Protein backbone atom coordinates (compact mmCIF):
# COMPACT_ATOMS: atom_id res chain seq x y z
CA MET A 1 0.08 18.44 0.11
CA GLN A 2 -0.41 14.91 1.37
CA GLN A 3 -3.47 13.16 0.12
CA PHE A 4 -5.04 9.73 0.54
CA SER A 5 -8.16 8.42 -1.13
CA GLU A 6 -9.99 5.10 -1.15
CA HIS A 7 -12.20 3.23 -3.59
CA GLN A 8 -13.19 -0.37 -4.29
CA VAL A 9 -12.89 -2.54 -7.37
CA ASP A 10 -14.63 -5.94 -7.26
CA GLY A 11 -14.26 -6.26 -3.48
CA VAL A 12 -10.63 -5.11 -3.48
CA VAL A 13 -9.97 -1.94 -1.49
CA VAL A 14 -7.58 0.46 -3.23
CA ILE A 15 -6.00 3.25 -1.21
CA ALA A 16 -4.13 5.80 -3.29
CA ALA A 17 -1.41 7.96 -1.77
CA SER A 18 0.37 10.98 -3.18
CA GLY A 19 3.21 13.21 -2.09
CA ALA A 20 5.48 12.15 0.75
CA VAL A 21 4.71 9.20 3.01
CA ASP A 22 6.82 10.11 6.02
CA MET A 23 6.55 10.55 9.78
CA LEU A 24 4.08 13.43 9.34
CA SER A 25 1.67 11.64 7.01
CA ALA A 26 2.14 8.01 8.09
CA PRO A 27 -0.35 8.18 11.01
CA GLU A 28 -3.16 9.25 8.66
CA LEU A 29 -2.25 6.48 6.22
CA GLN A 30 -2.12 3.95 9.06
CA ASN A 31 -5.61 4.97 10.16
CA MET A 32 -6.97 4.48 6.64
CA MET A 33 -5.19 1.14 6.17
CA SER A 34 -6.36 -0.15 9.56
CA ALA A 35 -9.96 0.91 8.90
CA ALA A 36 -9.86 -0.90 5.54
CA ALA A 37 -8.29 -4.02 7.10
CA ASP A 38 -10.97 -4.09 9.80
CA ARG A 39 -13.59 -4.52 7.06
CA HIS A 40 -11.90 -7.79 5.97
CA PRO A 41 -11.76 -7.02 2.24
CA ALA A 42 -10.98 -9.64 -0.40
CA GLY A 43 -7.74 -7.74 -0.94
CA LEU A 44 -6.06 -4.43 -0.18
CA ILE A 45 -3.87 -2.49 -2.60
CA LEU A 46 -1.90 0.63 -1.71
CA ASP A 47 -1.30 2.62 -4.88
CA MET A 48 1.88 4.67 -4.45
CA THR A 49 2.16 5.70 -8.11
CA GLU A 50 1.98 9.39 -7.10
CA VAL A 51 4.26 9.09 -4.04
CA ASP A 52 7.53 10.99 -4.41
CA PHE A 53 9.07 10.02 -1.04
CA LEU A 54 8.66 6.89 1.08
CA GLY A 55 10.25 7.18 4.52
CA THR A 56 10.77 4.54 7.18
CA ALA A 57 7.53 5.58 8.92
CA GLY A 58 5.67 4.81 5.69
CA MET A 59 7.37 1.43 5.37
CA GLU A 60 6.39 0.67 8.96
CA VAL A 61 2.75 1.29 7.98
CA LEU A 62 3.13 -1.32 5.24
CA MET A 63 4.50 -3.97 7.60
CA THR A 64 1.87 -3.18 10.26
CA THR A 65 -0.86 -3.54 7.64
CA ARG A 66 0.60 -6.84 6.37
CA LYS A 67 0.51 -8.23 9.92
CA GLN A 68 -2.96 -6.83 10.62
CA LEU A 69 -4.44 -8.42 7.49
CA GLY A 70 -3.01 -11.84 8.28
CA GLU A 71 -2.31 -14.59 5.77
CA ASN A 72 -5.85 -14.86 4.39
CA THR A 73 -6.09 -11.40 2.83
CA ARG A 74 -3.94 -10.38 -0.11
CA PHE A 75 -2.03 -7.15 0.25
CA ALA A 76 -0.04 -5.47 -2.46
CA VAL A 77 1.65 -2.17 -3.16
CA VAL A 78 1.84 -0.43 -6.51
CA ALA A 79 5.31 1.04 -6.52
CA ASP A 80 7.53 1.73 -9.48
CA GLY A 81 10.64 3.83 -9.37
CA PRO A 82 13.43 5.04 -7.13
CA ALA A 83 11.16 6.83 -4.62
CA THR A 84 9.05 3.79 -3.72
CA SER A 85 9.98 0.35 -5.03
CA ARG A 86 13.73 0.84 -4.53
CA PRO A 87 13.59 1.60 -0.77
CA MET A 88 11.06 -1.23 -0.29
CA THR A 89 13.37 -3.66 -2.04
CA ILE A 90 16.48 -2.45 -0.17
CA MET A 91 14.69 -2.77 3.20
CA GLY A 92 13.46 -6.27 2.33
CA LEU A 93 9.75 -5.40 2.31
CA ALA A 94 9.40 -6.85 -1.18
CA ASP A 95 9.94 -10.28 0.41
CA TYR A 96 6.73 -9.87 2.45
CA ILE A 97 4.53 -7.62 0.33
CA GLU A 98 3.58 -8.13 -3.31
CA LEU A 99 4.85 -5.32 -5.55
CA PHE A 100 3.26 -4.34 -8.84
CA SER A 101 4.39 -1.76 -11.39
CA SER A 102 0.88 -0.40 -12.07
CA LEU A 103 -2.59 -0.44 -10.56
CA ASP A 104 -4.01 -2.09 -13.68
CA VAL A 105 -1.57 -4.99 -13.38
CA ALA A 106 -2.30 -5.37 -9.65
CA LEU A 107 -6.08 -5.31 -10.12
CA GLY A 108 -5.83 -7.77 -13.00
CA ASP A 109 -3.87 -10.14 -10.78
CA PHE A 110 -6.27 -9.73 -7.84
CA THR A 111 -9.55 -9.92 -9.73
CA GLY A 112 -8.57 -11.94 -12.79
């Protein structure tokens, strides 16, 4: 079952995803990411620690969100492992989006 949730830590919006981020679930994720971006947060982190499949539709959401946020808002993805960080690196997304191995590390970098 696909699931997304959102919370804030010191002005940084954290959206957590689990399961597969593919063409079926990507529209829901895009809606959440766009709604968060529209609030102009200090930063936005997508936590994909519990994601077991990241398809091209999911990667498109990441690039759309990066563009929507612009240069003044930090955006990062927590992705570690073959299901998430590897496809992002292969597709070149890691050149445009900050990658962190854990949410704690990402939040420490954003709020520290």
